[in-house]
Amino acid sequence: MHVRQTMSIATLASVFICALLVPSRPAFAQNPSAKPASPYERRAADTVRAFVAAFGAQDADAATSNFEDDVQFRMEVALNRNIETGRENARQQLHRLFDRLSHAAPGDTGPRVRGGNIELMQTEAIGDSKEVLVITRRIDNVTINGRPLHLPVGSFFRVNAQTGKIEEWLDVPLVAFDRNPPPAAK
């Protein structure tokens, strides 16, 4: 009987020691985004944040300085549903968009749109030494025909990990909205 008690105590001690060495959660339940970001992921996320800040400041030149020369892009917010290419093309389109956001539509044609601040809510980057994919969630605060709109927008960026420049940018509103609402009541 004495041997059985010794074995039981030894078994319990072994189980206790093993329990201390095992992580508190199984590996499959751990949050993969909790791992530290690689230098490539941090650089890509910083590039995207710089782009969003320049976009929010309505500075087309600063925004497109974050692009590769042959960038591919689609600005859903600019009502451009086609994939476009080229940094200079993007710069020109952003200039037109920002001009439209800062001035009333000429001759009262089309919606009167005023730009507002952009709130970057979330930035997630994943990649390696070749390329990094960055996904953002932001709120674009604009006024259309006198009505405030807080538009959630999702963006996808593909960033060249070696140059730190954006190779691809796609913007998509996360909710449907009336692009030409009636004027606000006065």
N, C-alpha and C. Protein backbone atom coordinates (compact mmCIF):
# COMPACT_ATOMS: atom_id res chain seq x y z
N MET A 1 0.82 -1.18 0.00
CA MET A 1 0.00 0.00 0.00
C MET A 1 0.86 1.25 0.00
N HIS A 2 1.97 1.19 0.70
CA HIS A 2 2.88 2.32 0.76
C HIS A 2 3.44 2.66 -0.63
N VAL A 3 3.70 1.65 -1.43
CA VAL A 3 4.20 1.84 -2.79
C VAL A 3 3.15 2.52 -3.65
N ARG A 4 1.88 2.13 -3.50
CA ARG A 4 0.80 2.72 -4.27
C ARG A 4 0.66 4.20 -3.95
N GLN A 5 0.77 4.63 -2.68
CA GLN A 5 0.68 6.04 -2.30
C GLN A 5 1.86 6.82 -2.88
N THR A 6 3.03 6.24 -2.85
CA THR A 6 4.21 6.91 -3.41
C THR A 6 4.03 7.11 -4.91
N MET A 7 3.52 6.09 -5.61
CA MET A 7 3.28 6.21 -7.06
C MET A 7 2.21 7.27 -7.34
N SER A 8 1.18 7.32 -6.54
CA SER A 8 0.12 8.31 -6.73
C SER A 8 0.66 9.72 -6.53
N ILE A 9 1.46 9.91 -5.51
CA ILE A 9 2.04 11.24 -5.25
C ILE A 9 2.99 11.62 -6.39
N ALA A 10 3.79 10.67 -6.85
CA ALA A 10 4.72 10.92 -7.96
C ALA A 10 3.95 11.26 -9.24
N THR A 11 2.85 10.56 -9.50
CA THR A 11 2.04 10.82 -10.68
C THR A 11 1.40 12.20 -10.59
N LEU A 12 0.85 12.54 -9.44
CA LEU A 12 0.25 13.87 -9.26
C LEU A 12 1.29 14.97 -9.41
N ALA A 13 2.45 14.76 -8.87
CA ALA A 13 3.53 15.75 -9.01
C ALA A 13 3.91 15.92 -10.46
N SER A 14 4.01 14.82 -11.22
CA SER A 14 4.34 14.89 -12.64
C SER A 14 3.27 15.65 -13.42
N VAL A 15 2.01 15.36 -13.12
CA VAL A 15 0.91 16.06 -13.80
C VAL A 15 0.96 17.55 -13.46
N PHE A 16 1.22 17.91 -12.23
CA PHE A 16 1.29 19.30 -11.81
C PHE A 16 2.42 20.03 -12.53
N ILE A 17 3.60 19.39 -12.59
CA ILE A 17 4.75 20.02 -13.27
C ILE A 17 4.47 20.18 -14.76
N CYS A 18 3.89 19.17 -15.39
CA CYS A 18 3.54 19.28 -16.82
C CYS A 18 2.52 20.37 -17.05
N ALA A 19 1.56 20.50 -16.14
CA ALA A 19 0.54 21.55 -16.28
C ALA A 19 1.16 22.93 -16.24
N LEU A 20 2.20 23.11 -15.47
CA LEU A 20 2.88 24.40 -15.42
C LEU A 20 3.59 24.71 -16.72
N LEU A 21 4.04 23.70 -17.43
CA LEU A 21 4.78 23.89 -18.67
C LEU A 21 3.88 24.07 -19.89
N VAL A 22 2.63 23.67 -19.80
CA VAL A 22 1.69 23.76 -20.92
C VAL A 22 1.09 25.17 -20.93
N PRO A 23 0.98 25.80 -22.12
CA PRO A 23 0.35 27.12 -22.18
C PRO A 23 -1.09 27.07 -21.68
N SER A 24 -1.58 28.20 -21.22
CA SER A 24 -2.93 28.25 -20.65
C SER A 24 -4.01 27.98 -21.68
N ARG A 25 -3.72 28.26 -22.97
CA ARG A 25 -4.69 27.99 -24.02
C ARG A 25 -4.04 27.07 -25.05
N PRO A 26 -4.81 26.20 -25.67
CA PRO A 26 -4.23 25.38 -26.73
C PRO A 26 -3.77 26.27 -27.88
N ALA A 27 -2.79 25.82 -28.63
CA ALA A 27 -2.20 26.62 -29.71
C ALA A 27 -3.23 27.03 -30.74
N PHE A 28 -4.21 26.17 -31.05
CA PHE A 28 -5.19 26.51 -32.08
C PHE A 28 -6.13 27.61 -31.64
N ALA A 29 -6.19 27.94 -30.37
CA ALA A 29 -7.09 28.98 -29.89
C ALA A 29 -6.40 30.33 -29.73
N GLN A 30 -5.11 30.39 -30.00
CA GLN A 30 -4.39 31.64 -29.82
C GLN A 30 -4.68 32.59 -30.98
N ASN A 31 -4.65 33.86 -30.70
CA ASN A 31 -4.89 34.89 -31.69
C ASN A 31 -3.64 35.06 -32.55
N PRO A 32 -3.71 34.74 -33.85
CA PRO A 32 -2.52 34.84 -34.68
C PRO A 32 -2.04 36.27 -34.88
N SER A 33 -2.93 37.25 -34.73
CA SER A 33 -2.51 38.64 -34.92
C SER A 33 -1.74 39.17 -33.71
N ALA A 34 -1.65 38.38 -32.65
CA ALA A 34 -0.93 38.82 -31.46
C ALA A 34 0.59 38.67 -31.63
N LYS A 35 1.03 38.00 -32.70
CA LYS A 35 2.47 37.86 -32.90
C LYS A 35 3.07 39.21 -33.25
N PRO A 36 4.31 39.43 -32.89
CA PRO A 36 4.93 40.71 -33.23
C PRO A 36 5.03 40.87 -34.75
N ALA A 37 4.80 42.08 -35.22
CA ALA A 37 4.89 42.36 -36.65
C ALA A 37 6.35 42.33 -37.11
N SER A 38 6.55 41.85 -38.33
CA SER A 38 7.89 41.84 -38.90
C SER A 38 8.25 43.28 -39.30
N PRO A 39 9.53 43.55 -39.53
CA PRO A 39 9.91 44.89 -40.01
C PRO A 39 9.22 45.25 -41.32
N TYR A 40 9.00 44.26 -42.18
CA TYR A 40 8.32 44.52 -43.45
C TYR A 40 6.86 44.92 -43.22
N GLU A 41 6.20 44.24 -42.28
CA GLU A 41 4.81 44.56 -41.98
C GLU A 41 4.70 45.94 -41.34
N ARG A 42 5.61 46.27 -40.44
CA ARG A 42 5.58 47.60 -39.80
C ARG A 42 5.80 48.69 -40.83
N ARG A 43 6.76 48.50 -41.72
CA ARG A 43 7.05 49.50 -42.76
C ARG A 43 5.85 49.68 -43.68
N ALA A 44 5.24 48.58 -44.10
CA ALA A 44 4.07 48.67 -44.98
C ALA A 44 2.91 49.38 -44.28
N ALA A 45 2.67 49.04 -43.02
CA ALA A 45 1.59 49.70 -42.27
C ALA A 45 1.87 51.19 -42.12
N ASP A 46 3.13 51.56 -41.88
CA ASP A 46 3.50 52.98 -41.78
C ASP A 46 3.27 53.70 -43.11
N THR A 47 3.61 53.04 -44.23
CA THR A 47 3.38 53.63 -45.55
C THR A 47 1.89 53.88 -45.76
N VAL A 48 1.07 52.91 -45.42
CA VAL A 48 -0.38 53.05 -45.60
C VAL A 48 -0.93 54.14 -44.69
N ARG A 49 -0.45 54.21 -43.45
CA ARG A 49 -0.90 55.28 -42.56
C ARG A 49 -0.52 56.66 -43.12
N ALA A 50 0.68 56.77 -43.68
CA ALA A 50 1.12 58.04 -44.29
C ALA A 50 0.22 58.38 -45.47
N PHE A 51 -0.12 57.39 -46.28
CA PHE A 51 -1.02 57.63 -47.40
C PHE A 51 -2.38 58.12 -46.91
N VAL A 52 -2.96 57.43 -45.92
CA VAL A 52 -4.28 57.81 -45.41
C VAL A 52 -4.23 59.21 -44.81
N ALA A 53 -3.16 59.55 -44.11
CA ALA A 53 -3.03 60.90 -43.54
C ALA A 53 -2.99 61.95 -44.65
N ALA A 54 -2.23 61.69 -45.70
CA ALA A 54 -2.16 62.64 -46.83
C ALA A 54 -3.50 62.71 -47.55
N PHE A 55 -4.17 61.57 -47.69
CA PHE A 55 -5.50 61.54 -48.30
C PHE A 55 -6.45 62.38 -47.47
N GLY A 56 -6.42 62.21 -46.16
CA GLY A 56 -7.29 62.98 -45.26
C GLY A 56 -6.99 64.47 -45.30
N ALA A 57 -5.74 64.82 -45.52
CA ALA A 57 -5.34 66.23 -45.63
C ALA A 57 -5.59 66.78 -47.05
N GLN A 58 -6.12 65.94 -47.92
CA GLN A 58 -6.40 66.28 -49.31
C GLN A 58 -5.13 66.77 -50.02
N ASP A 59 -4.03 66.08 -49.81
CA ASP A 59 -2.74 66.39 -50.43
C ASP A 59 -2.39 65.27 -51.41
N ALA A 60 -2.78 65.46 -52.67
CA ALA A 60 -2.58 64.43 -53.69
C ALA A 60 -1.11 64.12 -53.91
N ASP A 61 -0.26 65.13 -53.88
CA ASP A 61 1.17 64.90 -54.11
C ASP A 61 1.78 64.04 -53.01
N ALA A 62 1.47 64.36 -51.76
CA ALA A 62 1.99 63.57 -50.64
C ALA A 62 1.40 62.16 -50.65
N ALA A 63 0.12 62.05 -50.97
CA ALA A 63 -0.53 60.72 -50.99
C ALA A 63 0.14 59.83 -52.03
N THR A 64 0.33 60.34 -53.23
CA THR A 64 0.88 59.51 -54.30
C THR A 64 2.39 59.31 -54.19
N SER A 65 3.05 60.04 -53.32
CA SER A 65 4.48 59.79 -53.10
C SER A 65 4.69 58.42 -52.45
N ASN A 66 3.62 57.83 -51.93
CA ASN A 66 3.68 56.50 -51.33
C ASN A 66 3.44 55.39 -52.34
N PHE A 67 3.25 55.73 -53.62
CA PHE A 67 2.93 54.75 -54.66
C PHE A 67 4.15 54.38 -55.49
N GLU A 68 4.15 53.14 -55.99
CA GLU A 68 5.08 52.73 -57.04
C GLU A 68 4.66 53.45 -58.31
N ASP A 69 5.58 53.60 -59.27
CA ASP A 69 5.25 54.27 -60.54
C ASP A 69 4.10 53.60 -61.26
N ASP A 70 4.03 52.26 -61.22
CA ASP A 70 3.01 51.51 -61.95
C ASP A 70 1.90 51.00 -61.04
N VAL A 71 1.58 51.75 -60.01
CA VAL A 71 0.54 51.36 -59.05
C VAL A 71 -0.77 51.05 -59.78
N GLN A 72 -1.50 50.08 -59.26
CA GLN A 72 -2.85 49.78 -59.72
C GLN A 72 -3.80 50.26 -58.63
N PHE A 73 -4.91 50.90 -59.02
CA PHE A 73 -5.80 51.45 -58.01
C PHE A 73 -7.23 51.53 -58.50
N ARG A 74 -8.13 51.57 -57.54
CA ARG A 74 -9.53 51.85 -57.80
C ARG A 74 -10.04 52.68 -56.64
N MET A 75 -10.47 53.89 -56.94
CA MET A 75 -11.01 54.79 -55.91
C MET A 75 -12.53 54.74 -55.98
N GLU A 76 -13.13 53.86 -55.23
CA GLU A 76 -14.59 53.76 -55.21
C GLU A 76 -15.20 55.09 -54.76
N VAL A 77 -14.52 55.75 -53.82
CA VAL A 77 -15.03 57.01 -53.30
C VAL A 77 -15.11 58.07 -54.41
N ALA A 78 -14.29 57.93 -55.44
CA ALA A 78 -14.31 58.88 -56.55
C ALA A 78 -15.24 58.40 -57.67
N LEU A 79 -16.05 57.40 -57.37
CA LEU A 79 -16.99 56.83 -58.34
C LEU A 79 -16.28 56.21 -59.52
N ASN A 80 -15.05 55.81 -59.33
CA ASN A 80 -14.27 55.18 -60.38
C ASN A 80 -14.26 53.69 -60.11
N ARG A 81 -14.99 52.94 -60.87
CA ARG A 81 -15.10 51.50 -60.62
C ARG A 81 -14.09 50.69 -61.41
N ASN A 82 -13.30 51.31 -62.25
CA ASN A 82 -12.31 50.60 -63.06
C ASN A 82 -10.97 50.57 -62.36
N ILE A 83 -10.20 49.51 -62.64
CA ILE A 83 -8.83 49.45 -62.16
C ILE A 83 -8.01 50.37 -63.06
N GLU A 84 -7.34 51.31 -62.44
CA GLU A 84 -6.49 52.26 -63.16
C GLU A 84 -5.03 51.94 -62.85
N THR A 85 -4.12 52.49 -63.61
CA THR A 85 -2.70 52.29 -63.35
C THR A 85 -1.94 53.60 -63.43
N GLY A 86 -0.83 53.65 -62.72
CA GLY A 86 0.11 54.76 -62.82
C GLY A 86 -0.02 55.78 -61.71
N ARG A 87 1.14 56.13 -61.14
CA ARG A 87 1.17 57.13 -60.06
C ARG A 87 0.69 58.48 -60.55
N GLU A 88 1.10 58.90 -61.76
CA GLU A 88 0.68 60.21 -62.26
C GLU A 88 -0.83 60.25 -62.48
N ASN A 89 -1.39 59.18 -63.02
CA ASN A 89 -2.84 59.09 -63.20
C ASN A 89 -3.54 59.20 -61.85
N ALA A 90 -3.04 58.50 -60.84
CA ALA A 90 -3.63 58.56 -59.49
C ALA A 90 -3.53 59.98 -58.94
N ARG A 91 -2.39 60.62 -59.14
CA ARG A 91 -2.21 62.00 -58.65
C ARG A 91 -3.24 62.93 -59.27
N GLN A 92 -3.44 62.82 -60.59
CA GLN A 92 -4.41 63.67 -61.27
C GLN A 92 -5.84 63.41 -60.79
N GLN A 93 -6.18 62.14 -60.62
CA GLN A 93 -7.52 61.81 -60.14
C GLN A 93 -7.74 62.31 -58.71
N LEU A 94 -6.72 62.18 -57.87
CA LEU A 94 -6.86 62.68 -56.50
C LEU A 94 -6.98 64.20 -56.49
N HIS A 95 -6.22 64.90 -57.34
CA HIS A 95 -6.38 66.36 -57.43
C HIS A 95 -7.81 66.71 -57.79
N ARG A 96 -8.39 66.02 -58.79
CA ARG A 96 -9.78 66.30 -59.18
C ARG A 96 -10.74 66.01 -58.04
N LEU A 97 -10.54 64.89 -57.36
CA LEU A 97 -11.41 64.53 -56.24
C LEU A 97 -11.32 65.57 -55.13
N PHE A 98 -10.12 65.95 -54.76
CA PHE A 98 -9.95 66.91 -53.66
C PHE A 98 -10.48 68.29 -54.05
N ASP A 99 -10.34 68.66 -55.32
CA ASP A 99 -10.91 69.93 -55.78
C ASP A 99 -12.43 69.88 -55.66
N ARG A 100 -13.01 68.76 -56.02
CA ARG A 100 -14.47 68.60 -55.92
C ARG A 100 -14.92 68.64 -54.46
N LEU A 101 -14.12 68.07 -53.55
CA LEU A 101 -14.49 68.05 -52.14
C LEU A 101 -14.37 69.42 -51.48
N SER A 102 -13.56 70.30 -52.07
CA SER A 102 -13.35 71.60 -51.44
C SER A 102 -14.15 72.73 -52.10
N HIS A 103 -14.81 72.46 -53.21
CA HIS A 103 -15.60 73.47 -53.92
C HIS A 103 -16.96 72.89 -54.28
N ALA A 104 -17.96 73.75 -54.38
CA ALA A 104 -19.29 73.32 -54.81
C ALA A 104 -19.23 72.91 -56.27
N ALA A 105 -20.09 71.99 -56.66
CA ALA A 105 -20.15 71.56 -58.06
C ALA A 105 -20.51 72.75 -58.93
N PRO A 106 -19.80 72.95 -60.05
CA PRO A 106 -20.06 74.10 -60.91
C PRO A 106 -21.48 74.07 -61.47
N GLY A 107 -22.13 75.22 -61.45
CA GLY A 107 -23.48 75.35 -62.01
C GLY A 107 -24.52 74.50 -61.32
N ASP A 108 -24.27 74.17 -60.07
CA ASP A 108 -25.20 73.34 -59.29
C ASP A 108 -25.54 72.03 -59.97
N THR A 109 -24.59 71.45 -60.72
CA THR A 109 -24.81 70.13 -61.31
C THR A 109 -24.18 69.09 -60.41
N GLY A 110 -24.88 68.01 -60.21
CA GLY A 110 -24.34 66.94 -59.38
C GLY A 110 -24.44 67.28 -57.90
N PRO A 111 -24.08 66.32 -57.08
CA PRO A 111 -24.17 66.55 -55.64
C PRO A 111 -23.11 67.53 -55.16
N ARG A 112 -23.48 68.31 -54.15
CA ARG A 112 -22.51 69.20 -53.51
C ARG A 112 -21.85 68.41 -52.39
N VAL A 113 -20.57 68.15 -52.55
CA VAL A 113 -19.84 67.30 -51.62
C VAL A 113 -18.76 68.13 -50.94
N ARG A 114 -18.70 68.02 -49.63
CA ARG A 114 -17.64 68.66 -48.84
C ARG A 114 -16.88 67.58 -48.10
N GLY A 115 -15.58 67.66 -48.19
CA GLY A 115 -14.74 66.69 -47.49
C GLY A 115 -14.65 67.01 -46.01
N GLY A 116 -14.41 66.01 -45.24
CA GLY A 116 -14.23 66.15 -43.80
C GLY A 116 -13.05 65.31 -43.35
N ASN A 117 -12.97 65.08 -42.06
CA ASN A 117 -11.83 64.32 -41.56
C ASN A 117 -12.01 62.83 -41.83
N ILE A 118 -10.89 62.13 -41.84
CA ILE A 118 -10.88 60.69 -42.03
C ILE A 118 -10.34 60.06 -40.76
N GLU A 119 -11.09 59.11 -40.24
CA GLU A 119 -10.68 58.41 -39.02
C GLU A 119 -10.20 57.02 -39.40
N LEU A 120 -8.92 56.76 -39.21
CA LEU A 120 -8.38 55.43 -39.47
C LEU A 120 -8.65 54.58 -38.24
N MET A 121 -9.52 53.59 -38.39
CA MET A 121 -9.98 52.79 -37.26
C MET A 121 -9.10 51.57 -37.01
N GLN A 122 -8.60 50.95 -38.09
CA GLN A 122 -7.85 49.71 -37.94
C GLN A 122 -6.92 49.51 -39.12
N THR A 123 -5.74 49.00 -38.84
CA THR A 123 -4.76 48.67 -39.87
C THR A 123 -4.17 47.31 -39.52
N GLU A 124 -4.26 46.38 -40.45
CA GLU A 124 -3.70 45.04 -40.25
C GLU A 124 -2.77 44.73 -41.42
N ALA A 125 -1.57 44.28 -41.13
CA ALA A 125 -0.59 43.94 -42.17
C ALA A 125 -0.10 42.52 -41.98
N ILE A 126 0.07 41.84 -43.10
CA ILE A 126 0.64 40.50 -43.08
C ILE A 126 1.46 40.31 -44.35
N GLY A 127 2.66 39.79 -44.19
CA GLY A 127 3.49 39.57 -45.36
C GLY A 127 4.88 39.14 -45.00
N ASP A 128 5.76 39.24 -45.98
CA ASP A 128 7.13 38.80 -45.80
C ASP A 128 8.06 39.75 -46.57
N SER A 129 9.23 39.28 -46.94
CA SER A 129 10.22 40.14 -47.57
C SER A 129 9.89 40.46 -49.03
N LYS A 130 8.86 39.83 -49.60
CA LYS A 130 8.49 40.10 -50.99
C LYS A 130 7.37 41.13 -51.10
N GLU A 131 6.30 40.88 -50.38
CA GLU A 131 5.18 41.82 -50.38
C GLU A 131 4.41 41.70 -49.09
N VAL A 132 3.72 42.78 -48.79
CA VAL A 132 2.90 42.82 -47.58
C VAL A 132 1.51 43.28 -47.98
N LEU A 133 0.51 42.59 -47.46
CA LEU A 133 -0.87 42.97 -47.68
C LEU A 133 -1.34 43.74 -46.46
N VAL A 134 -1.96 44.89 -46.69
CA VAL A 134 -2.46 45.72 -45.60
C VAL A 134 -3.94 45.98 -45.84
N ILE A 135 -4.72 45.74 -44.82
CA ILE A 135 -6.16 46.01 -44.87
C ILE A 135 -6.46 47.08 -43.83
N THR A 136 -7.24 48.09 -44.22
CA THR A 136 -7.61 49.13 -43.29
C THR A 136 -9.13 49.26 -43.23
N ARG A 137 -9.57 49.81 -42.13
CA ARG A 137 -10.97 50.18 -41.94
C ARG A 137 -10.94 51.61 -41.46
N ARG A 138 -11.72 52.47 -42.13
CA ARG A 138 -11.72 53.88 -41.76
C ARG A 138 -13.13 54.44 -41.87
N ILE A 139 -13.31 55.62 -41.32
CA ILE A 139 -14.58 56.35 -41.45
C ILE A 139 -14.26 57.64 -42.20
N ASP A 140 -14.89 57.82 -43.36
CA ASP A 140 -14.76 59.06 -44.13
C ASP A 140 -15.95 59.94 -43.76
N ASN A 141 -15.68 61.07 -43.17
CA ASN A 141 -16.73 62.01 -42.77
C ASN A 141 -16.84 63.08 -43.85
N VAL A 142 -17.96 63.08 -44.56
CA VAL A 142 -18.21 64.04 -45.63
C VAL A 142 -19.61 64.61 -45.47
N THR A 143 -19.88 65.64 -46.22
CA THR A 143 -21.22 66.22 -46.28
C THR A 143 -21.64 66.22 -47.74
N ILE A 144 -22.79 65.61 -48.03
CA ILE A 144 -23.33 65.57 -49.38
C ILE A 144 -24.67 66.29 -49.37
N ASN A 145 -24.76 67.36 -50.17
CA ASN A 145 -25.98 68.18 -50.24
C ASN A 145 -26.44 68.63 -48.86
N GLY A 146 -25.49 68.99 -48.02
CA GLY A 146 -25.79 69.51 -46.69
C GLY A 146 -26.05 68.45 -45.64
N ARG A 147 -26.02 67.19 -46.02
CA ARG A 147 -26.28 66.09 -45.07
C ARG A 147 -24.95 65.42 -44.70
N PRO A 148 -24.67 65.36 -43.39
CA PRO A 148 -23.43 64.69 -42.97
C PRO A 148 -23.51 63.18 -43.23
N LEU A 149 -22.40 62.63 -43.66
CA LEU A 149 -22.31 61.21 -43.92
C LEU A 149 -21.04 60.69 -43.27
N HIS A 150 -21.17 59.65 -42.48
CA HIS A 150 -20.03 59.00 -41.83
C HIS A 150 -19.90 57.63 -42.49
N LEU A 151 -19.10 57.58 -43.52
CA LEU A 151 -19.03 56.41 -44.39
C LEU A 151 -17.91 55.47 -43.99
N PRO A 152 -18.25 54.24 -43.56
CA PRO A 152 -17.20 53.26 -43.30
C PRO A 152 -16.64 52.75 -44.62
N VAL A 153 -15.31 52.75 -44.72
CA VAL A 153 -14.63 52.35 -45.95
C VAL A 153 -13.59 51.29 -45.60
N GLY A 154 -13.53 50.26 -46.42
CA GLY A 154 -12.49 49.25 -46.31
C GLY A 154 -11.50 49.46 -47.43
N SER A 155 -10.23 49.31 -47.15
CA SER A 155 -9.20 49.46 -48.18
C SER A 155 -8.25 48.28 -48.14
N PHE A 156 -7.79 47.92 -49.30
CA PHE A 156 -6.80 46.86 -49.46
C PHE A 156 -5.59 47.47 -50.14
N PHE A 157 -4.42 47.19 -49.60
CA PHE A 157 -3.17 47.66 -50.17
C PHE A 157 -2.22 46.48 -50.33
N ARG A 158 -1.52 46.45 -51.44
CA ARG A 158 -0.41 45.51 -51.62
C ARG A 158 0.84 46.36 -51.69
N VAL A 159 1.77 46.12 -50.77
CA VAL A 159 2.95 46.97 -50.62
C VAL A 159 4.20 46.16 -50.96
N ASN A 160 5.07 46.73 -51.78
CA ASN A 160 6.35 46.12 -52.09
C ASN A 160 7.20 46.18 -50.83
N ALA A 161 7.56 45.02 -50.29
CA ALA A 161 8.29 44.99 -49.02
C ALA A 161 9.69 45.57 -49.14
N GLN A 162 10.27 45.54 -50.33
CA GLN A 162 11.64 46.05 -50.50
C GLN A 162 11.68 47.57 -50.61
N THR A 163 10.72 48.16 -51.35
CA THR A 163 10.72 49.62 -51.54
C THR A 163 9.84 50.33 -50.52
N GLY A 164 8.90 49.59 -49.92
CA GLY A 164 7.96 50.21 -48.99
C GLY A 164 6.90 51.05 -49.69
N LYS A 165 6.75 50.87 -51.00
CA LYS A 165 5.77 51.64 -51.78
C LYS A 165 4.54 50.79 -52.09
N ILE A 166 3.41 51.46 -52.22
CA ILE A 166 2.15 50.79 -52.51
C ILE A 166 2.10 50.40 -53.98
N GLU A 167 1.83 49.11 -54.23
CA GLU A 167 1.72 48.59 -55.59
C GLU A 167 0.25 48.50 -56.04
N GLU A 168 -0.64 48.39 -55.07
CA GLU A 168 -2.06 48.26 -55.39
C GLU A 168 -2.89 48.86 -54.27
N TRP A 169 -3.96 49.57 -54.66
CA TRP A 169 -4.86 50.19 -53.68
C TRP A 169 -6.28 50.05 -54.19
N LEU A 170 -7.14 49.47 -53.36
CA LEU A 170 -8.55 49.34 -53.68
C LEU A 170 -9.36 49.86 -52.50
N ASP A 171 -10.31 50.74 -52.77
CA ASP A 171 -11.19 51.32 -51.76
C ASP A 171 -12.62 50.84 -52.03
N VAL A 172 -13.33 50.47 -50.98
CA VAL A 172 -14.73 50.06 -51.13
C VAL A 172 -15.52 50.52 -49.92
N PRO A 173 -16.63 51.28 -50.12
CA PRO A 173 -17.50 51.60 -48.99
C PRO A 173 -18.04 50.31 -48.39
N LEU A 174 -18.15 50.26 -47.08
CA LEU A 174 -18.62 49.05 -46.41
C LEU A 174 -20.13 49.03 -46.23
N VAL A 175 -20.80 50.10 -46.61
CA VAL A 175 -22.26 50.16 -46.57
C VAL A 175 -22.75 50.85 -47.84
N ALA A 176 -23.96 50.52 -48.25
CA ALA A 176 -24.57 51.21 -49.39
C ALA A 176 -24.99 52.61 -48.94
N PHE A 177 -24.85 53.59 -49.81
CA PHE A 177 -25.29 54.93 -49.47
C PHE A 177 -25.80 55.64 -50.70
N ASP A 178 -26.63 56.66 -50.49
CA ASP A 178 -27.19 57.46 -51.57
C ASP A 178 -26.15 58.47 -52.01
N ARG A 179 -25.64 58.30 -53.21
CA ARG A 179 -24.58 59.17 -53.71
C ARG A 179 -25.09 60.57 -54.10
N ASN A 180 -26.38 60.73 -54.17
CA ASN A 180 -26.95 62.03 -54.55
C ASN A 180 -28.22 62.28 -53.72
N PRO A 181 -28.06 62.44 -52.40
CA PRO A 181 -29.25 62.63 -51.56
C PRO A 181 -29.86 64.01 -51.80
N PRO A 182 -31.13 64.17 -51.48
CA PRO A 182 -31.76 65.48 -51.61
C PRO A 182 -31.10 66.46 -50.64
N PRO A 183 -31.16 67.75 -50.97
CA PRO A 183 -30.57 68.75 -50.06
C PRO A 183 -31.21 68.70 -48.68
N ALA A 184 -30.41 69.03 -47.68
CA ALA A 184 -30.90 69.07 -46.30
C ALA A 184 -31.92 70.20 -46.17
N ALA A 185 -32.93 70.00 -45.34
CA ALA A 185 -33.95 71.03 -45.09
C ALA A 185 -33.29 72.21 -44.40
N LYS A 186 -33.71 73.41 -44.79
CA LYS A 186 -33.12 74.62 -44.20
C LYS A 186 -33.96 75.14 -43.09
